[in-house]
Amino acid sequence: MLHGFLLLDKESGLNSFKLVLALRRLANQKRVGFAGTLDPLASGLMVMALGEYTKLLPYLEASDKIYQVEATLGQVSDTYDIDGTLEAVSAMDPVPDRQRIEHLLSAEFSGQIMQVPPRHSAIQIGGKRAYALARAGEQFELKARPVEIFSCRVLSYSYSLLTMEVHCSSGTYVRSLVHDLGQRLGCGAVVSALRRIAVGILRIDSEEMRDKIKKLEQLEAGELERDFVDPWLILAARPQCELSDDEYAVLARGNFVANRWKGERAADGLPGGRHIARAGAVPEVAIAFWQGRPVGVLADAGAGRNFNKSGDSKAGGSDFFAAEKLKFYRKLNIF
């Protein structure tokens, strides 16, 4: 079985899950996944994982995202984008100007906000996807949930086309952002193009990433390992540490080891300077490497298994750098 990460540039019109099916065929294995769904309309960066590396995807899904979005004003849609049933909104006189749009973005769509996801989304409701319920004409409500907009810049505007760059937290729906902005402007708005340009520190347009990001058609069966991306880079937003042979042997048996990284701070980085984290963050787990490959997720041995999928303590307050002893919260079986 292959274990690795791939960075793909998804084309517009392609379902995210079709990338999984394509990689399963190319790798001849079922264990394939991705971090963060992209709507069929959207293009851009997809982080794919194969084999045991799929166990590390939750630690990527929580990463911030950056999108470039084109919104068409003067229309509304049941899906909040042009793939849905479009309905024109009565023309406004005067039409919204750039100053008003930028004022609204700053005043109402900045920082922590409450956002209602689109009815046509992959959110689970009673074991079913919201989009399936919406297509079947079922009546249901989605609750508003907190998201964070770190920045929302207008790149260009000439009614009715508005182009923005949105830097947001995981779980933010850009379609909802555009729809809500259109409602506040009184003219309606739908997403007409969307491109994800960054996941965490991974930017699709950076010099470092340019040769690492592939199109699906560039991948070849039997040659996938050639295109694997260094896991140190993929996981750079989490603390990382290299285990000694003795430490790995002890941890692999289910036992704990002393935390020799105790007292380090995220701002200073772990040995080797490979950790990058947002200022003020308190890391609760670290990705453990052995012989240059990720082998598990380390956590405070005293915290038991009281962690959520993204590796944050359910009770809060756990600090990897303060723990006395460490054990595998999640182990990768790649050796």
Protein backbone atom coordinates (compact mmCIF):
# COMPACT_ATOMS: atom_id res chain seq x y z
CA MET A 1 0.00 0.00 0.00
CA LEU A 2 1.20 3.51 -0.84
CA HIS A 3 1.42 6.12 1.94
CA GLY A 4 1.87 9.74 0.94
CA PHE A 5 0.52 13.23 0.26
CA LEU A 6 -0.32 14.75 -3.12
CA LEU A 7 -1.20 18.35 -3.95
CA LEU A 8 -3.68 18.63 -6.80
CA ASP A 9 -5.09 21.61 -8.69
CA LYS A 10 -8.73 20.63 -9.16
CA GLU A 11 -10.45 21.84 -12.29
CA SER A 12 -13.83 23.55 -12.21
CA GLY A 13 -16.68 21.16 -12.99
CA LEU A 14 -15.03 18.17 -11.31
CA ASN A 15 -16.53 16.65 -8.17
CA SER A 16 -14.02 16.36 -5.31
CA PHE A 17 -14.93 12.72 -4.75
CA LYS A 18 -14.09 11.92 -8.38
CA LEU A 19 -10.50 12.77 -7.51
CA VAL A 20 -10.65 10.07 -4.86
CA LEU A 21 -12.01 7.54 -7.35
CA ALA A 22 -9.33 8.45 -9.89
CA LEU A 23 -6.53 8.09 -7.32
CA ARG A 24 -7.93 4.76 -6.13
CA ARG A 25 -7.64 3.46 -9.69
CA LEU A 26 -4.14 4.86 -10.18
CA ALA A 27 -2.86 3.54 -6.83
CA ASN A 28 -4.91 0.33 -6.94
CA GLN A 29 -6.00 0.82 -3.33
CA LYS A 30 -9.05 2.08 -1.42
CA ARG A 31 -7.35 4.19 1.25
CA VAL A 32 -7.51 7.64 -0.37
CA GLY A 33 -8.93 10.86 1.09
CA PHE A 34 -8.68 14.65 1.04
CA ALA A 35 -8.75 17.62 3.38
CA GLY A 36 -11.57 20.03 2.64
CA THR A 37 -14.22 19.53 -0.03
CA LEU A 38 -14.40 21.84 -3.02
CA ASP A 39 -17.74 22.37 -4.77
CA PRO A 40 -17.88 21.17 -8.41
CA LEU A 41 -17.89 24.81 -9.55
CA ALA A 42 -14.70 25.56 -7.61
CA SER A 43 -11.14 24.98 -8.73
CA GLY A 44 -7.88 25.07 -6.85
CA LEU A 45 -5.78 23.40 -4.19
CA MET A 46 -6.74 19.96 -2.87
CA VAL A 47 -4.56 18.13 -0.33
CA MET A 48 -4.88 14.39 -1.01
CA ALA A 49 -3.65 11.56 1.20
CA LEU A 50 -3.05 7.89 0.50
CA GLY A 51 -2.80 4.93 2.85
CA GLU A 52 -2.07 5.54 6.52
CA TYR A 53 -1.52 9.26 5.83
CA THR A 54 -5.32 9.60 5.62
CA LYS A 55 -5.26 9.43 9.44
CA LEU A 56 -3.52 12.83 9.42
CA LEU A 57 -6.14 14.63 7.29
CA PRO A 58 -8.08 15.98 10.31
CA TYR A 59 -4.99 18.00 11.24
CA LEU A 60 -5.12 19.69 7.83
CA GLU A 61 -8.88 20.23 7.64
CA ALA A 62 -8.69 22.73 10.50
CA SER A 63 -6.29 24.95 8.52
CA ASP A 64 -7.26 28.43 7.32
CA LYS A 65 -8.19 28.75 3.66
CA ILE A 66 -7.76 31.54 1.09
CA TYR A 67 -10.11 31.86 -1.89
CA GLN A 68 -10.48 34.09 -4.89
CA VAL A 69 -14.16 34.46 -5.64
CA GLU A 70 -16.10 36.12 -8.44
CA ALA A 71 -19.61 37.17 -7.42
CA THR A 72 -22.34 38.20 -9.82
CA LEU A 73 -24.66 40.80 -8.32
CA GLY A 74 -28.30 41.20 -9.29
CA GLN A 75 -29.17 37.50 -9.04
CA VAL A 76 -30.06 34.92 -6.41
CA SER A 77 -29.92 31.13 -6.51
CA ASP A 78 -31.10 28.23 -4.37
CA THR A 79 -27.50 26.94 -4.25
CA TYR A 80 -25.98 30.43 -3.82
CA ASP A 81 -23.99 29.91 -7.04
CA ILE A 82 -24.62 29.80 -10.80
CA ASP A 83 -25.06 26.02 -10.76
CA GLY A 84 -28.46 26.42 -9.11
CA THR A 85 -31.79 27.82 -10.26
CA LEU A 86 -31.12 31.49 -10.99
CA GLU A 87 -33.58 34.30 -10.45
CA ALA A 88 -32.98 37.92 -11.40
CA VAL A 89 -33.47 40.63 -8.78
CA SER A 90 -35.14 43.91 -9.73
CA ALA A 91 -32.54 46.43 -10.85
CA MET A 92 -31.38 48.93 -8.24
CA ASP A 93 -30.94 52.62 -8.90
CA PRO A 94 -28.28 53.51 -8.07
CA VAL A 95 -26.39 50.19 -8.08
CA PRO A 96 -24.08 49.50 -5.11
CA ASP A 97 -20.74 51.26 -5.39
CA ARG A 98 -17.36 49.90 -4.30
CA GLN A 99 -17.22 52.09 -1.21
CA ARG A 100 -20.49 50.65 0.12
CA ILE A 101 -19.36 47.10 -0.56
CA GLU A 102 -16.04 47.60 1.21
CA HIS A 103 -17.78 49.25 4.16
CA LEU A 104 -20.15 46.29 4.56
CA LEU A 105 -17.31 43.79 4.29
CA SER A 106 -15.39 45.61 7.01
CA ALA A 107 -18.36 46.22 9.31
CA GLU A 108 -20.31 42.97 9.02
CA PHE A 109 -18.13 40.34 7.36
CA SER A 110 -14.89 40.64 9.31
CA GLY A 111 -13.61 38.77 12.36
CA GLN A 112 -15.80 36.22 14.10
CA ILE A 113 -19.30 36.07 12.62
CA MET A 114 -22.27 33.70 12.71
CA GLN A 115 -22.95 32.07 9.36
CA VAL A 116 -25.76 29.80 8.12
CA PRO A 117 -24.41 27.18 5.66
CA PRO A 118 -26.14 26.76 2.27
CA ARG A 119 -28.98 24.24 2.14
CA HIS A 120 -27.10 22.69 -0.78
CA SER A 121 -24.05 21.61 1.23
CA ALA A 122 -22.46 18.37 2.44
CA ILE A 123 -23.45 18.92 6.09
CA GLN A 124 -24.97 15.83 7.69
CA ILE A 125 -28.55 16.05 8.99
CA GLY A 126 -29.90 12.90 10.55
CA GLY A 127 -27.40 10.81 8.63
CA LYS A 128 -28.19 12.43 5.27
CA ARG A 129 -26.43 15.17 3.33
CA ALA A 130 -28.18 18.53 3.33
CA TYR A 131 -27.92 18.79 -0.47
CA ALA A 132 -29.73 15.46 -0.87
CA LEU A 133 -32.56 16.65 1.38
CA ALA A 134 -32.75 19.96 -0.51
CA ARG A 135 -32.92 18.23 -3.90
CA ALA A 136 -35.71 15.97 -2.58
CA GLY A 137 -37.71 19.00 -1.49
CA GLU A 138 -37.44 18.15 2.22
CA GLN A 139 -38.02 20.91 4.77
CA PHE A 140 -35.17 21.44 7.24
CA GLU A 141 -33.22 24.20 8.94
CA LEU A 142 -29.50 24.70 9.31
CA LYS A 143 -28.29 26.49 12.40
CA ALA A 144 -25.89 29.43 12.26
CA ARG A 145 -22.40 28.58 13.42
CA PRO A 146 -19.32 30.65 14.23
CA VAL A 147 -16.69 31.18 11.55
CA GLU A 148 -13.89 33.70 11.25
CA ILE A 149 -13.09 36.01 8.34
CA PHE A 150 -9.48 37.12 8.69
CA SER A 151 -9.62 39.36 5.64
CA CYS A 152 -11.91 40.04 2.67
CA ARG A 153 -10.38 42.27 -0.02
CA VAL A 154 -12.09 43.64 -3.09
CA LEU A 155 -9.80 42.96 -6.04
CA SER A 156 -12.01 44.46 -8.74
CA TYR A 157 -15.58 45.69 -9.18
CA SER A 158 -17.71 46.81 -12.08
CA TYR A 159 -21.39 46.11 -11.60
CA SER A 160 -22.43 43.36 -11.77
CA LEU A 161 -19.09 41.53 -11.34
CA LEU A 162 -17.28 41.66 -8.00
CA THR A 163 -13.97 39.84 -7.41
CA MET A 164 -12.65 39.31 -3.88
CA GLU A 165 -9.93 37.49 -1.99
CA VAL A 166 -11.24 35.84 1.17
CA HIS A 167 -9.02 34.51 3.97
CA CYS A 168 -11.21 32.52 6.34
CA SER A 169 -11.29 29.80 8.95
CA SER A 170 -12.07 26.18 8.24
CA GLY A 171 -15.80 25.60 7.92
CA THR A 172 -16.55 28.92 6.25
CA TYR A 173 -18.83 28.79 3.21
CA VAL A 174 -17.83 31.42 0.67
CA ARG A 175 -21.17 30.84 -1.06
CA SER A 176 -22.97 31.91 2.13
CA LEU A 177 -20.67 34.92 2.47
CA VAL A 178 -21.53 36.07 -1.06
CA HIS A 179 -25.24 35.37 -0.60
CA ASP A 180 -25.37 37.26 2.71
CA LEU A 181 -23.48 40.20 1.20
CA GLY A 182 -25.98 40.31 -1.67
CA GLN A 183 -28.87 40.35 0.78
CA ARG A 184 -27.34 43.24 2.73
CA LEU A 185 -26.74 45.16 -0.50
CA GLY A 186 -30.36 44.55 -1.50
CA CYS A 187 -29.48 43.31 -4.97
CA GLY A 188 -28.69 39.65 -4.40
CA ALA A 189 -25.44 37.91 -5.33
CA VAL A 190 -24.28 34.47 -6.44
CA VAL A 191 -20.87 32.86 -6.79
CA SER A 192 -19.94 32.66 -10.47
CA ALA A 193 -16.34 31.46 -10.02
CA LEU A 194 -14.35 30.22 -7.04
CA ARG A 195 -10.71 29.20 -6.67
CA ARG A 196 -8.95 28.01 -3.52
CA ILE A 197 -5.42 29.36 -3.56
CA ALA A 198 -4.20 28.35 -0.10
CA VAL A 199 -4.66 25.74 2.62
CA GLY A 200 -2.76 26.83 5.71
CA ILE A 201 0.74 27.81 4.60
CA LEU A 202 0.41 25.91 1.31
CA ARG A 203 -0.21 28.43 -1.49
CA ILE A 204 -0.94 27.35 -5.02
CA ASP A 205 0.82 30.41 -6.47
CA SER A 206 4.00 30.27 -4.37
CA GLU A 207 7.39 29.59 -5.94
CA GLU A 208 7.98 26.70 -3.52
CA MET A 209 4.71 24.97 -4.45
CA ARG A 210 4.73 25.53 -8.20
CA ASP A 211 6.49 22.28 -9.13
CA LYS A 212 4.76 20.24 -6.42
CA ILE A 213 1.13 20.86 -7.41
CA LYS A 214 -0.16 18.59 -10.18
CA LYS A 215 -3.18 18.32 -12.42
CA LEU A 216 -5.02 15.00 -12.26
CA GLU A 217 -4.09 14.21 -15.86
CA GLN A 218 -0.37 14.54 -15.00
CA LEU A 219 -0.47 11.57 -12.60
CA GLU A 220 0.51 8.11 -13.83
CA ALA A 221 -0.21 4.67 -12.43
CA GLY A 222 2.93 3.17 -10.94
CA GLU A 223 4.59 6.59 -10.68
CA LEU A 224 2.55 8.27 -7.94
CA GLU A 225 5.40 8.16 -5.39
CA ARG A 226 7.40 10.41 -7.71
CA ASP A 227 4.83 13.16 -7.10
CA PHE A 228 4.49 12.72 -3.33
CA VAL A 229 5.12 15.92 -1.34
CA ASP A 230 7.36 16.00 1.75
CA PRO A 231 5.08 15.38 4.78
CA TRP A 232 7.18 17.82 6.83
CA LEU A 233 5.93 20.55 4.50
CA ILE A 234 2.31 19.40 4.38
CA LEU A 235 2.11 19.22 8.18
CA ALA A 236 4.14 22.36 8.91
CA ALA A 237 1.26 24.10 10.72
CA ARG A 238 1.46 21.51 13.53
CA PRO A 239 4.31 20.87 15.97
CA GLN A 240 6.56 18.10 14.68
CA CYS A 241 9.23 16.06 16.38
CA GLU A 242 11.66 13.35 15.34
CA LEU A 243 11.67 10.29 17.59
CA SER A 244 14.74 8.30 18.51
CA ASP A 245 14.75 4.56 17.80
CA ASP A 246 14.18 3.80 21.48
CA GLU A 247 11.29 6.28 21.76
CA TYR A 248 9.55 4.84 18.74
CA ALA A 249 9.94 1.28 20.02
CA VAL A 250 8.37 2.21 23.38
CA LEU A 251 5.51 4.20 21.86
CA ALA A 252 4.75 1.55 19.23
CA ARG A 253 4.09 -0.93 22.06
CA GLY A 254 1.45 1.40 23.49
CA ASN A 255 3.59 2.78 26.30
CA PHE A 256 4.53 6.39 27.09
CA VAL A 257 7.79 8.33 26.95
CA ALA A 258 9.07 11.35 28.83
CA ASN A 259 8.38 14.63 27.05
CA ARG A 260 11.86 15.89 26.18
CA TRP A 261 10.25 18.85 24.39
CA LYS A 262 8.64 20.12 27.57
CA GLY A 263 9.21 23.84 28.01
CA GLU A 264 9.63 24.55 24.30
CA ARG A 265 7.24 27.15 22.94
CA ALA A 266 5.53 27.19 19.57
CA ALA A 267 7.05 30.59 18.79
CA ASP A 268 10.54 29.12 19.15
CA GLY A 269 9.76 25.93 17.26
CA LEU A 270 10.72 22.37 17.96
CA PRO A 271 14.27 21.13 17.36
CA GLY A 272 15.12 21.78 13.74
CA GLY A 273 12.88 24.86 13.58
CA ARG A 274 10.26 23.09 11.51
CA HIS A 275 7.17 24.13 13.43
CA ILE A 276 5.04 27.03 12.20
CA ALA A 277 1.94 28.09 14.15
CA ARG A 278 -0.29 31.10 14.50
CA ALA A 279 0.87 33.42 17.27
CA GLY A 280 -0.77 32.64 20.57
CA ALA A 281 -1.84 29.12 19.61
CA VAL A 282 -1.48 26.42 22.26
CA PRO A 283 -0.65 23.17 20.44
CA GLU A 284 -2.24 20.14 22.06
CA VAL A 285 -0.71 17.42 19.89
CA ALA A 286 2.41 16.99 17.77
CA ILE A 287 3.11 14.92 14.67
CA ALA A 288 5.79 12.34 15.45
CA PHE A 289 8.33 11.37 12.79
CA TRP A 290 10.69 8.41 12.74
CA GLN A 291 13.23 7.72 10.03
CA GLY A 292 11.92 10.79 8.20
CA ARG A 293 8.29 9.65 7.99
CA PRO A 294 5.24 10.49 10.12
CA VAL A 295 4.41 7.58 12.40
CA GLY A 296 1.77 8.97 14.75
CA VAL A 297 0.20 11.79 16.71
CA LEU A 298 1.64 12.45 20.15
CA ALA A 299 -0.48 13.80 23.01
CA ASP A 300 -0.33 14.23 26.76
CA ALA A 301 -0.43 10.72 28.23
CA GLY A 302 -2.48 12.09 31.14
CA ALA A 303 -5.26 13.33 28.84
CA GLY A 304 -6.32 9.82 27.81
CA ARG A 305 -8.18 9.83 24.50
CA ASN A 306 -10.26 12.89 25.28
CA PHE A 307 -9.54 14.61 21.94
CA ASN A 308 -11.67 15.52 18.96
CA LYS A 309 -10.91 14.57 15.35
CA SER A 310 -8.60 17.52 14.74
CA GLY A 311 -6.53 16.70 17.81
CA ASP A 312 -7.78 19.36 20.20
CA SER A 313 -8.71 18.49 23.75
CA LYS A 314 -12.46 18.29 24.25
CA ALA A 315 -12.04 19.67 27.74
CA GLY A 316 -9.56 22.33 26.61
CA GLY A 317 -6.35 23.38 28.30
CA SER A 318 -4.13 20.50 27.21
CA ASP A 319 -0.68 21.75 26.14
CA PHE A 320 1.78 19.48 24.37
CA PHE A 321 4.72 21.57 25.60
CA ALA A 322 3.58 21.28 29.24
CA ALA A 323 2.94 17.53 29.31
CA GLU A 324 5.17 15.35 31.50
CA LYS A 325 4.65 12.18 29.49
CA LEU A 326 3.55 11.47 25.91
CA LYS A 327 1.90 8.58 24.12
CA PHE A 328 0.44 7.92 20.70
CA TYR A 329 -3.07 9.33 20.41
CA ARG A 330 -3.10 8.02 16.85
CA LYS A 331 -0.57 5.57 15.35
CA LEU A 332 0.28 5.15 11.67
CA ASN A 333 1.11 1.61 10.64
CA ILE A 334 3.58 2.22 7.85
CA PHE A 335 6.55 0.14 9.06
